C-alpha atoms as a PDB file:
ATOM      1  CA  MET A   1       2.205 -12.263 -96.646  1.00  0.00           C
ATOM      2  CA  TYR A   2      -0.494 -14.821 -95.053  1.00  0.00           C
ATOM      3  CA  CYS A   3       0.247 -13.254 -91.342  1.00  0.00           C
ATOM      4  CA  ASP A   4      -2.994 -13.200 -90.207  1.00  0.00           C
ATOM      5  CA  SER A   5      -3.406 -15.613 -87.367  1.00  0.00           C
ATOM      6  CA  THR A   6      -6.941 -15.094 -86.674  1.00  0.00           C
ATOM      7  CA  SER A   7      -7.865 -18.541 -88.024  1.00  0.00           C
ATOM      8  CA  GLY A   8      -5.421 -20.366 -85.954  1.00  0.00           C
ATOM      9  CA  THR A   9      -4.619 -22.825 -88.705  1.00  0.00           C
ATOM     10  CA  ALA A  10      -1.194 -23.097 -89.933  1.00  0.00           C
ATOM     11  CA  LEU A  11      -0.544 -22.610 -93.613  1.00  0.00           C
ATOM     12  CA  ASP A  12       1.765 -25.528 -93.481  1.00  0.00           C
ATOM     13  CA  PRO A  13       1.381 -27.767 -90.640  1.00  0.00           C
ATOM     14  CA  SER A  14       4.874 -29.191 -90.979  1.00  0.00           C
ATOM     15  CA  GLY A  15       6.238 -25.563 -90.174  1.00  0.00           C
ATOM     16  CA  ASP A  16       8.175 -25.553 -93.267  1.00  0.00           C
ATOM     17  CA  ASP A  17       6.224 -22.707 -94.867  1.00  0.00           C
ATOM     18  CA  ALA A  18       5.556 -19.833 -92.337  1.00  0.00           C
ATOM     19  CA  GLY A  19       1.824 -18.155 -92.046  1.00  0.00           C
ATOM     20  CA  PHE A  20      -1.704 -19.005 -91.616  1.00  0.00           C
ATOM     21  CA  VAL A  21      -4.815 -19.604 -93.598  1.00  0.00           C
ATOM     22  CA  PRO A  22      -6.596 -16.587 -94.037  1.00  0.00           C
ATOM     23  CA  ALA A  23      -9.703 -15.936 -92.201  1.00  0.00           C
ATOM     24  CA  GLY A  24     -11.896 -14.894 -94.815  1.00  0.00           C
ATOM     25  CA  LYS A  25     -12.012 -14.126 -98.711  1.00  0.00           C
ATOM     26  CA  GLY A  26     -11.169 -10.633 -98.279  1.00  0.00           C
ATOM     27  CA  GLY A  27      -7.846 -11.632 -96.100  1.00  0.00           C
ATOM     28  CA  LEU A  28      -7.193 -14.082 -98.952  1.00  0.00           C
ATOM     29  CA  ALA A  29      -7.635 -11.791-101.784  1.00  0.00           C
ATOM     30  CA  CYS A  30      -5.247  -9.177-100.144  1.00  0.00           C
ATOM     31  CA  ALA A  31      -2.337 -11.633 -99.367  1.00  0.00           C
ATOM     32  CA  ASP A  32      -2.629 -13.100-102.856  1.00  0.00           C
ATOM     33  CA  ALA A  33      -2.479  -9.420-104.237  1.00  0.00           C
ATOM     34  CA  VAL A  34       0.542  -8.518-102.015  1.00  0.00           C
ATOM     35  CA  ALA A  35       2.516 -11.804-102.740  1.00  0.00           C
ATOM     36  CA  LYS A  36       1.886 -11.025-106.702  1.00  0.00           C
ATOM     37  CA  GLY A  37       2.961  -7.370-106.268  1.00  0.00           C
ATOM     38  CA  LEU A  38       6.273  -8.464-104.131  1.00  0.00           C
ATOM     39  CA  ALA A  39       6.970 -10.842-107.010  1.00  0.00           C
ATOM     40  CA  LYS A  40       6.797  -8.184-109.641  1.00  0.00           C
ATOM     41  CA  LEU A  41       9.236  -6.202-107.325  1.00  0.00           C
ATOM     42  CA  ALA A  42      11.556  -8.855-106.820  1.00  0.00           C
ATOM     43  CA  GLY A  43      11.781  -9.109-110.821  1.00  0.00           C
ATOM     44  CA  ALA A  44      11.749  -5.506-111.716  1.00  0.00           C
ATOM     45  CA  VAL A  45      14.638  -5.065-109.284  1.00  0.00           C
ATOM     46  CA  LEU A  46      16.919  -7.752-110.874  1.00  0.00           C
ATOM     47  CA  THR A  47      15.973  -6.530-114.324  1.00  0.00           C
ATOM     48  CA  CYS A  48      17.380  -3.137-113.134  1.00  0.00           C
ATOM     49  CA  HIS A  49      20.624  -4.872-112.349  1.00  0.00           C
ATOM     50  CA  ARG A  50      20.682  -6.531-115.361  1.00  0.00           C
ATOM     51  CA  LYS A  51      20.248  -3.532-117.496  1.00  0.00           C
ATOM     52  CA  ALA A  52      23.081  -2.040-115.381  1.00  0.00           C
ATOM     53  CA  ALA A  53      25.671  -4.508-115.711  1.00  0.00           C
ATOM     54  CA  ALA A  54      24.800  -4.928-119.481  1.00  0.00           C
ATOM     55  CA  SER A  55      25.253  -1.099-119.605  1.00  0.00           C
ATOM     56  CA  GLY A  56      28.472  -1.021-117.516  1.00  0.00           C
ATOM     57  CA  LEU A  57      30.079  -3.631-119.972  1.00  0.00           C
ATOM     58  CA  LYS A  58      29.539  -1.175-122.779  1.00  0.00           C
ATOM     59  CA  GLY A  59      31.148   1.479-120.767  1.00  0.00           C
ATOM     60  CA  GLY A  60      27.597   3.099-120.177  1.00  0.00           C
ATOM     61  CA  ALA A  61      25.801   4.189-116.636  1.00  0.00           C
ATOM     62  CA  THR A  62      25.520   1.763-114.091  1.00  0.00           C
ATOM     63  CA  ASP A  63      23.317   3.874-111.599  1.00  0.00           C
ATOM     64  CA  ASP A  64      20.196   1.454-111.043  1.00  0.00           C
ATOM     65  CA  GLU A  65      18.789   3.668-108.386  1.00  0.00           C
ATOM     66  CA  PRO A  66      16.142   5.573-110.882  1.00  0.00           C
ATOM     67  CA  CYS A  67      15.201   2.303-112.180  1.00  0.00           C
ATOM     68  CA  GLU A  68      14.688   0.742-108.837  1.00  0.00           C
ATOM     69  CA  THR A  69      12.530   3.901-107.416  1.00  0.00           C
ATOM     70  CA  SER A  70      10.311   3.476-110.250  1.00  0.00           C
ATOM     71  CA  ALA A  71       9.530  -0.171-109.488  1.00  0.00           C
ATOM     72  CA  ARG A  72       8.966   0.518-106.096  1.00  0.00           C
ATOM     73  CA  ALA A  73       6.687   3.483-106.892  1.00  0.00           C
ATOM     74  CA  LYS A  74       4.729   1.145-108.664  1.00  0.00           C
ATOM     75  CA  PHE A  75       4.601  -1.272-105.701  1.00  0.00           C
ATOM     76  CA  ASP A  76       3.776   1.579-103.196  1.00  0.00           C
ATOM     77  CA  ALA A  77       0.758   2.640-105.882  1.00  0.00           C
ATOM     78  CA  GLY A  78      -0.532  -1.035-105.694  1.00  0.00           C
ATOM     79  CA  THR A  79      -0.548  -0.844-101.818  1.00  0.00           C
ATOM     80  CA  THR A  80      -2.344   2.226-101.550  1.00  0.00           C
ATOM     81  CA  LYS A  81      -5.037   1.017-103.755  1.00  0.00           C
ATOM     82  CA  LEU A  82      -5.275  -2.458-102.136  1.00  0.00           C
ATOM     83  CA  VAL A  83      -5.381  -0.950 -98.615  1.00  0.00           C
ATOM     84  CA  ALA A  84      -8.180   1.518 -99.798  1.00  0.00           C
ATOM     85  CA  LYS A  85     -10.355  -1.411-100.694  1.00  0.00           C
ATOM     86  CA  GLU A  86     -10.252  -2.160 -96.609  1.00  0.00           C
ATOM     87  CA  GLY A  87     -10.264  -6.113 -97.264  1.00  0.00           C
ATOM     88  CA  CYS A  88      -6.735  -6.164 -95.765  1.00  0.00           C
ATOM     89  CA  PRO A  89      -5.997  -7.531 -92.399  1.00  0.00           C
ATOM     90  CA  ALA A  90      -3.872  -5.259 -89.866  1.00  0.00           C
ATOM     91  CA  CYS A  91      -0.863  -7.257 -90.619  1.00  0.00           C
ATOM     92  CA  LEU A  92      -0.886  -6.157 -94.098  1.00  0.00           C
ATOM     93  CA  GLY A  93      -1.741  -2.438 -93.967  1.00  0.00           C
ATOM     94  CA  ALA A  94       0.336  -0.055 -95.521  1.00  0.00           C
ATOM     95  CA  GLU A  95       3.159  -0.032 -93.304  1.00  0.00           C
ATOM     96  CA  PRO A  96       3.716  -3.835 -93.014  1.00  0.00           C
ATOM     97  CA  GLN A  97       3.480  -4.026 -96.690  1.00  0.00           C
ATOM     98  CA  GLY A  98       6.338  -1.366 -97.304  1.00  0.00           C
ATOM     99  CA  THR A  99       8.327  -3.397 -94.711  1.00  0.00           C
ATOM    100  CA  LEU A 100       7.903  -6.710 -96.909  1.00  0.00           C
ATOM    101  CA  ALA A 101       8.753  -4.548-100.054  1.00  0.00           C
ATOM    102  CA  ASP A 102      11.981  -3.347 -98.472  1.00  0.00           C
ATOM    103  CA  ALA A 103      13.048  -6.894 -97.445  1.00  0.00           C
ATOM    104  CA  ILE A 104      12.423  -8.137-100.912  1.00  0.00           C
ATOM    105  CA  VAL A 105      14.453  -5.349-102.414  1.00  0.00           C
ATOM    106  CA  THR A 106      17.279  -6.022 -99.809  1.00  0.00           C
ATOM    107  CA  PHE A 107      16.994  -9.568-101.157  1.00  0.00           C
ATOM    108  CA  ALA A 108      17.551  -8.616-104.921  1.00  0.00           C
ATOM    109  CA  GLU A 109      20.346  -6.176-103.877  1.00  0.00           C
ATOM    110  CA  GLN A 110      22.178  -9.192-102.012  1.00  0.00           C
ATOM    111  CA  ALA A 111      21.250 -11.601-104.913  1.00  0.00           C
ATOM    112  CA  SER A 112      22.858  -9.369-106.992  1.00  0.00           C
ATOM    113  CA  GLY A 113      26.448 -10.223-105.334  1.00  0.00           C
ATOM    114  CA  ARG A 114      26.025 -13.613-106.302  1.00  0.00           C
ATOM    115  CA  LEU A 115      25.017 -13.169-109.827  1.00  0.00           C
ATOM    116  CA  TYR A 116      27.928 -10.501-110.706  1.00  0.00           C
ATOM    117  CA  PRO A 117      30.612 -11.579-108.029  1.00  0.00           C
ATOM    118  CA  CYS A 118      32.941  -9.329-106.635  1.00  0.00           C
ATOM    119  CA  PRO A 119      35.672  -9.160-104.040  1.00  0.00           C
ATOM    120  CA  ALA A 120      34.479  -9.402-100.856  1.00  0.00           C
ATOM    121  CA  THR A 121      35.916  -5.995-100.116  1.00  0.00           C
ATOM    122  CA  MET A 122      33.450  -4.176-102.291  1.00  0.00           C
ATOM    123  CA  THR A 123      30.978  -1.951-100.509  1.00  0.00           C
ATOM    124  CA  THR A 124      27.123  -2.441-101.775  1.00  0.00           C
ATOM    125  CA  THR A 125      24.232  -0.266-101.031  1.00  0.00           C
ATOM    126  CA  SER A 126      20.783  -0.751-100.405  1.00  0.00           C
ATOM    127  CA  SER A 127      18.078   1.469 -99.362  1.00  0.00           C
ATOM    128  CA  THR A 128      15.866  -0.468 -96.522  1.00  0.00           C
ATOM    129  CA  THR A 129      13.801   0.362 -93.544  1.00  0.00           C
ATOM    130  CA  GLY A 130      15.138  -0.876 -90.493  1.00  0.00           C
ATOM    131  CA  THR A 131      18.566  -2.777 -89.797  1.00  0.00           C
ATOM    132  CA  ILE A 132      19.882  -5.013 -92.184  1.00  0.00           C
ATOM    133  CA  ARG A 133      23.053  -6.968 -91.576  1.00  0.00           C
ATOM    134  CA  SER A 134      25.128  -8.638 -94.403  1.00  0.00           C
ATOM    135  CA  THR A 135      26.161 -12.118 -94.267  1.00  0.00           C
ATOM    136  CA  SER A 136      29.673 -11.348 -95.513  1.00  0.00           C
ATOM    137  CA  SER A 137      31.891  -7.976 -95.467  1.00  0.00           C
ATOM    138  CA  THR A 138      29.211  -6.002 -97.610  1.00  0.00           C
ATOM    139  CA  THR A 139      27.443  -3.093 -96.418  1.00  0.00           C
ATOM    140  CA  SER A 140      23.808  -1.722 -96.718  1.00  0.00           C
ATOM    141  CA  SER A 141      22.524   1.457 -95.975  1.00  0.00           C
ATOM    142  CA  SER A 142      19.765   1.763 -93.365  1.00  0.00           C
ATOM    143  CA  THR A 143      17.161   4.501 -93.256  1.00  0.00           C
ATOM    144  CA  SER A 144      13.875   5.515 -91.657  1.00  0.00           C
ATOM    145  CA  SER A 145      12.270   5.899 -95.080  1.00  0.00           C
ATOM    146  CA  SER A 146      10.995   3.472 -97.489  1.00  0.00           C
ATOM    147  CA  THR A 147      12.520   5.791-100.213  1.00  0.00           C
ATOM    148  CA  PRO A 148      16.429   5.338-101.418  1.00  0.00           C
ATOM    149  CA  SER A 149      18.892   7.220 -99.744  1.00  0.00           C
ATOM    150  CA  SER A 150      22.517   7.813-100.266  1.00  0.00           C
ATOM    151  CA  THR A 151      23.463   7.464 -96.581  1.00  0.00           C
ATOM    152  CA  THR A 152      25.650   4.385 -95.905  1.00  0.00           C
ATOM    153  CA  THR A 153      26.489   2.765 -92.801  1.00  0.00           C
ATOM    154  CA  THR A 154      28.035  -0.645 -92.131  1.00  0.00           C
ATOM    155  CA  SER A 155      26.892  -3.353 -90.144  1.00  0.00           C
ATOM    156  CA  THR A 156      28.333  -7.005 -90.104  1.00  0.00           C
ATOM    157  CA  LEU A 157      27.565 -10.346 -88.875  1.00  0.00           C
ATOM    158  CA  VAL A 158      30.137 -11.399 -86.180  1.00  0.00           C
ATOM    159  CA  ALA A 159      31.423 -14.877 -86.685  1.00  0.00           C
ATOM    160  CA  CYS A 160      30.439 -17.387 -84.490  1.00  0.00           C
ATOM    161  CA  ASN A 161      31.954 -21.053 -84.137  1.00  0.00           C
ATOM    162  CA  PRO A 162      29.347 -22.907 -82.297  1.00  0.00           C
ATOM    163  CA  ALA A 163      29.846 -24.999 -79.264  1.00  0.00           C
ATOM    164  CA  THR A 164      28.033 -27.778 -77.770  1.00  0.00           C
ATOM    165  CA  THR A 165      26.634 -25.956 -74.781  1.00  0.00           C
ATOM    166  CA  HIS A 166      23.172 -24.482 -74.689  1.00  0.00           C
ATOM    167  CA  ARG A 167      22.214 -20.977 -73.489  1.00  0.00           C
ATOM    168  CA  PRO A 168      18.260 -20.722 -73.064  1.00  0.00           C
ATOM    169  CA  PHE A 169      16.767 -17.366 -73.057  1.00  0.00           C
ATOM    170  CA  SER A 170      12.927 -17.056 -72.347  1.00  0.00           C
ATOM    171  CA  VAL A 171      10.479 -14.528 -74.138  1.00  0.00           C
ATOM    172  CA  SER A 172       7.528 -13.202 -72.420  1.00  0.00           C
ATOM    173  CA  PHE A 173       4.451 -10.516 -73.347  1.00  0.00           C
ATOM    174  CA  THR A 174       2.768  -8.054 -71.336  1.00  0.00           C
ATOM    175  CA  VAL A 175      -0.357  -6.184 -72.118  1.00  0.00           C
ATOM    176  CA  PRO A 176      -1.484  -2.725 -70.943  1.00  0.00           C
ATOM    177  CA  ASP A 177      -4.684  -3.813 -69.311  1.00  0.00           C
ATOM    178  CA  SER A 178      -7.058  -6.607 -69.380  1.00  0.00           C
ATOM    179  CA  SER A 179      -9.150  -5.403 -72.204  1.00  0.00           C
ATOM    180  CA  VAL A 180      -6.307  -6.007 -74.543  1.00  0.00           C
ATOM    181  CA  ILE A 181      -6.766  -9.732 -75.841  1.00  0.00           C
ATOM    182  CA  VAL A 182      -3.891 -10.778 -77.586  1.00  0.00           C
ATOM    183  CA  GLN A 183      -4.488 -13.820 -80.558  1.00  0.00           C
ATOM    184  CA  GLY A 184      -1.251 -13.524 -82.595  1.00  0.00           C
ATOM    185  CA  LEU A 185       1.945 -11.976 -82.232  1.00  0.00           C
ATOM    186  CA  THR A 186       5.187 -11.305 -84.682  1.00  0.00           C
ATOM    187  CA  LEU A 187       8.354 -10.570 -82.562  1.00  0.00           C
ATOM    188  CA  LEU A 188      11.720  -9.754 -83.443  1.00  0.00           C
ATOM    189  CA  ILE A 189      14.323 -10.781 -81.016  1.00  0.00           C
ATOM    190  CA  ASP A 190      17.738  -9.553 -81.740  1.00  0.00           C
ATOM    191  CA  TYR A 191      20.428 -11.358 -80.149  1.00  0.00           C
ATOM    192  CA  PRO A 192      24.481 -11.020 -79.790  1.00  0.00           C
ATOM    193  CA  GLU A 193      25.450 -13.109 -82.733  1.00  0.00           C
ATOM    194  CA  GLY A 194      28.825 -13.095 -81.668  1.00  0.00           C
ATOM    195  CA  GLN A 195      28.051 -14.789 -78.317  1.00  0.00           C
ATOM    196  CA  VAL A 196      25.226 -17.127 -79.147  1.00  0.00           C
ATOM    197  CA  THR A 197      23.939 -18.635 -82.325  1.00  0.00           C
ATOM    198  CA  ILE A 198      20.900 -20.679 -83.564  1.00  0.00           C
ATOM    199  CA  PRO A 199      21.874 -23.642 -85.752  1.00  0.00           C
ATOM    200  CA  GLY A 200      20.731 -23.055 -89.344  1.00  0.00           C
ATOM    201  CA  SER A 201      18.767 -20.129 -90.771  1.00  0.00           C
ATOM    202  CA  GLY A 202      15.219 -19.289 -91.866  1.00  0.00           C
ATOM    203  CA  ASN A 203      12.671 -21.941 -91.046  1.00  0.00           C
ATOM    204  CA  ALA A 204      14.767 -24.682 -90.958  1.00  0.00           C
ATOM    205  CA  THR A 205      14.042 -27.764 -89.031  1.00  0.00           C
ATOM    206  CA  SER A 206      17.362 -26.903 -86.767  1.00  0.00           C
ATOM    207  CA  VAL A 207      15.793 -23.333 -86.151  1.00  0.00           C
ATOM    208  CA  ARG A 208      12.283 -24.767 -85.306  1.00  0.00           C
ATOM    209  CA  GLN A 209      13.876 -27.512 -83.031  1.00  0.00           C
ATOM    210  CA  THR A 210      15.515 -24.462 -81.133  1.00  0.00           C
ATOM    211  CA  ILE A 211      12.211 -22.849 -79.871  1.00  0.00           C
ATOM    212  CA  ILE A 212      11.230 -25.046 -76.987  1.00  0.00           C
ATOM    213  CA  ASN A 213       8.574 -24.380 -73.709  1.00  0.00           C
ATOM    214  CA  VAL A 214       6.282 -23.002 -76.139  1.00  0.00           C
ATOM    215  CA  GLN A 215       3.089 -21.683 -74.407  1.00  0.00           C
ATOM    216  CA  SER A 216       0.332 -24.364 -74.129  1.00  0.00           C
ATOM    217  CA  GLY A 217      -2.293 -23.990 -77.164  1.00  0.00           C
ATOM    218  CA  ALA A 218       0.142 -21.824 -79.205  1.00  0.00           C
ATOM    219  CA  LEU A 219       1.357 -22.245 -82.560  1.00  0.00           C
ATOM    220  CA  SER A 220       5.029 -21.336 -83.216  1.00  0.00           C
ATOM    221  CA  GLN A 221       6.596 -20.563 -86.462  1.00  0.00           C
ATOM    222  CA  PRO A 222      10.426 -19.191 -85.943  1.00  0.00           C
ATOM    223  CA  PHE A 223      12.622 -17.696 -88.932  1.00  0.00           C
ATOM    224  CA  ASP A 224      16.023 -16.993 -88.060  1.00  0.00           C
ATOM    225  CA  LEU A 225      18.016 -14.022 -89.973  1.00  0.00           C
ATOM    226  CA  ASP A 226      21.325 -15.040 -88.078  1.00  0.00           C
ATOM    227  CA  TYR A 227      21.305 -11.872 -86.234  1.00  0.00           C
ATOM    228  CA  ALA A 228      17.728 -11.923 -84.892  1.00  0.00           C
ATOM    229  CA  LEU A 229      14.700 -14.425 -84.750  1.00  0.00           C
ATOM    230  CA  ARG A 230      11.309 -13.404 -85.857  1.00  0.00           C
ATOM    231  CA  GLU A 231       9.023 -15.147 -84.140  1.00  0.00           C
ATOM    232  CA  GLN A 232       5.214 -15.596 -85.639  1.00  0.00           C
ATOM    233  CA  ILE A 233       3.199 -17.202 -82.618  1.00  0.00           C
ATOM    234  CA  ALA A 234      -0.611 -17.357 -82.398  1.00  0.00           C
ATOM    235  CA  GLY A 235      -3.147 -18.844 -79.801  1.00  0.00           C
ATOM    236  CA  THR A 236      -5.060 -21.822 -81.420  1.00  0.00           C
ATOM    237  CA  ALA A 237      -8.170 -22.535 -79.516  1.00  0.00           C
ATOM    238  CA  ASN A 238      -7.688 -19.601 -77.158  1.00  0.00           C
ATOM    239  CA  PRO A 239      -6.050 -16.216 -77.038  1.00  0.00           C
ATOM    240  CA  LEU A 240      -2.247 -15.875 -76.008  1.00  0.00           C
ATOM    241  CA  THR A 241      -1.832 -15.831 -72.177  1.00  0.00           C
ATOM    242  CA  PRO A 242       0.474 -12.647 -71.000  1.00  0.00           C
ATOM    243  CA  GLY A 243       3.399 -14.111 -69.444  1.00  0.00           C
ATOM    244  CA  HIS A 244       6.110 -16.382 -70.945  1.00  0.00           C
ATOM    245  CA  LEU A 245       5.491 -17.517 -74.472  1.00  0.00           C
ATOM    246  CA  PHE A 246       8.543 -19.659 -75.412  1.00  0.00           C
ATOM    247  CA  THR A 247      12.435 -20.410 -74.931  1.00  0.00           C
ATOM    248  CA  ILE A 248      15.307 -19.908 -77.529  1.00  0.00           C
ATOM    249  CA  ASN A 249      17.712 -22.496 -76.891  1.00  0.00           C
ATOM    250  CA  PHE A 250      20.543 -20.901 -78.338  1.00  0.00           C
ATOM    251  CA  LEU A 251      24.082 -22.628 -78.756  1.00  0.00           C
ATOM    252  CA  ASP A 252      27.198 -20.693 -77.340  1.00  0.00           C
ATOM    253  CA  CYS A 253      29.964 -19.378 -79.538  1.00  0.00           C
ATOM    254  CA  LEU A 254      33.322 -20.720 -78.587  1.00  0.00           C
ATOM    255  CA  GLY A 255      35.624 -18.543 -76.669  1.00  0.00           C
ATOM    256  CA  ALA A 256      32.956 -15.919 -76.364  1.00  0.00           C
ATOM    257  CA  THR A 257      31.699 -14.189 -73.097  1.00  0.00           C
ATOM    258  CA  PRO A 258      28.268 -15.602 -72.147  1.00  0.00           C
ATOM    259  CA  PRO A 259      25.614 -12.824 -72.914  1.00  0.00           C
ATOM    260  CA  THR A 260      23.518 -11.146 -70.528  1.00  0.00           C
ATOM    261  CA  VAL A 261      19.656 -10.176 -70.823  1.00  0.00           C
ATOM    262  CA  ALA A 262      21.067  -6.722 -71.433  1.00  0.00           C
ATOM    263  CA  ASP A 263      22.334  -7.828 -75.014  1.00  0.00           C
ATOM    264  CA  PHE A 264      18.877  -9.046 -76.227  1.00  0.00           C
ATOM    265  CA  THR A 265      16.066  -6.731 -77.559  1.00  0.00           C
ATOM    266  CA  CYS A 266      12.686  -7.897 -78.256  1.00  0.00           C
ATOM    267  CA  THR A 267      10.532  -5.832 -80.478  1.00  0.00           C
ATOM    268  CA  VAL A 268       6.480  -6.515 -81.002  1.00  0.00           C
ATOM    269  CA  GLU A 269       6.502  -5.770 -84.754  1.00  0.00           C
ATOM    270  CA  VAL A 270       2.496  -7.246 -84.890  1.00  0.00           C
ATOM    271  CA  ALA A 271      -0.124  -7.833 -82.188  1.00  0.00           C
ATOM    272  CA  THR A 272      -3.485  -8.482 -83.200  1.00  0.00           C
ATOM    273  CA  ASP A 273      -6.674  -9.507 -81.224  1.00  0.00           C
ATOM    274  CA  PRO A 274      -9.118 -12.434 -82.096  1.00  0.00           C
ATOM    275  CA  LEU A 275     -10.757 -10.414 -84.907  1.00  0.00           C
ATOM    276  CA  GLY A 276      -7.354  -9.916 -86.923  1.00  0.00           C
ATOM    277  CA  LEU A 277      -7.583  -6.200 -85.397  1.00  0.00           C
ATOM    278  CA  PRO A 278      -4.376  -4.261 -84.056  1.00  0.00           C
ATOM    279  CA  ASP A 279      -3.621  -4.355 -80.432  1.00  0.00           C
ATOM    280  CA  GLN A 280      -1.852  -1.358 -78.896  1.00  0.00           C
ATOM    281  CA  GLY A 281       0.415  -1.266 -76.109  1.00  0.00           C
ATOM    282  CA  VAL A 282       1.504  -4.945 -76.312  1.00  0.00           C
ATOM    283  CA  MET A 283       5.326  -5.362 -75.137  1.00  0.00           C
ATOM    284  CA  CYS A 284       7.703  -8.317 -75.117  1.00  0.00           C
ATOM    285  CA  THR A 285      10.816  -9.006 -72.958  1.00  0.00           C
ATOM    286  CA  VAL A 286      13.495 -11.329 -72.898  1.00  0.00           C
ATOM    287  CA  SER A 287      14.849 -13.043 -69.694  1.00  0.00           C
ATOM    288  CA  ALA A 288      17.388 -15.883 -68.644  1.00  0.00           C
ATOM    289  CA  GLY A 289      16.891 -19.133 -68.787  1.00  0.00           C
END
């Protein structure tokens, strides 16, 4: 939620919590409102699951989709009102808020499997935007819409037994021309989890230690999803310089074929200028070493 890197000041200098101190009162109010909305959404979805479980015990319906659809509609209505106030930074526009909501719903869907344990072979479905990979043999549906869909696709993490050998890959970015000045970036680097791995998950210390050779003067805040790395990086005193940004020092997977550059993808999720406005045409690439 606190994604605006304009201030250049980390929300938590220790790196335990990702995000940046808002650049102004408007950005703070927007981020706080989104945080409250996401908390309500998570609670509402879990309540849907609770009611479905209680109904199922009595032999009733267990379809929680109408309940979840209603909860999501309330969040989306709040997003519309919030964005209309024009106090939100570019990284908290309607689309980024929708992506955050998708992630919260996915989290609640996955948490339900721990609250109501089932055999590992059971299929669960969730409606999300983008690609979600489960951490077990469950599956999740992935659609290009923020509304629920009945289409289900299977996607599971590939197991990796970490070796002790390192496999570094570097990430760089480019701009379309010199008029595009980049202060902050949010990147998603998808890596072949069956061939290389990052120790730990989320923003654990071991994940942060995997990021090396960070561009001088830049603040790095990585978050590992176990199949991809989401990296927030921002210039502090000065904007970021096109070119090398950082290196991910992966560990090899035992017995796996070493990956090539073609096995990685890099996506620019958010790019902002020194005023917090969106930059267009910014691209990122992965290279060996």
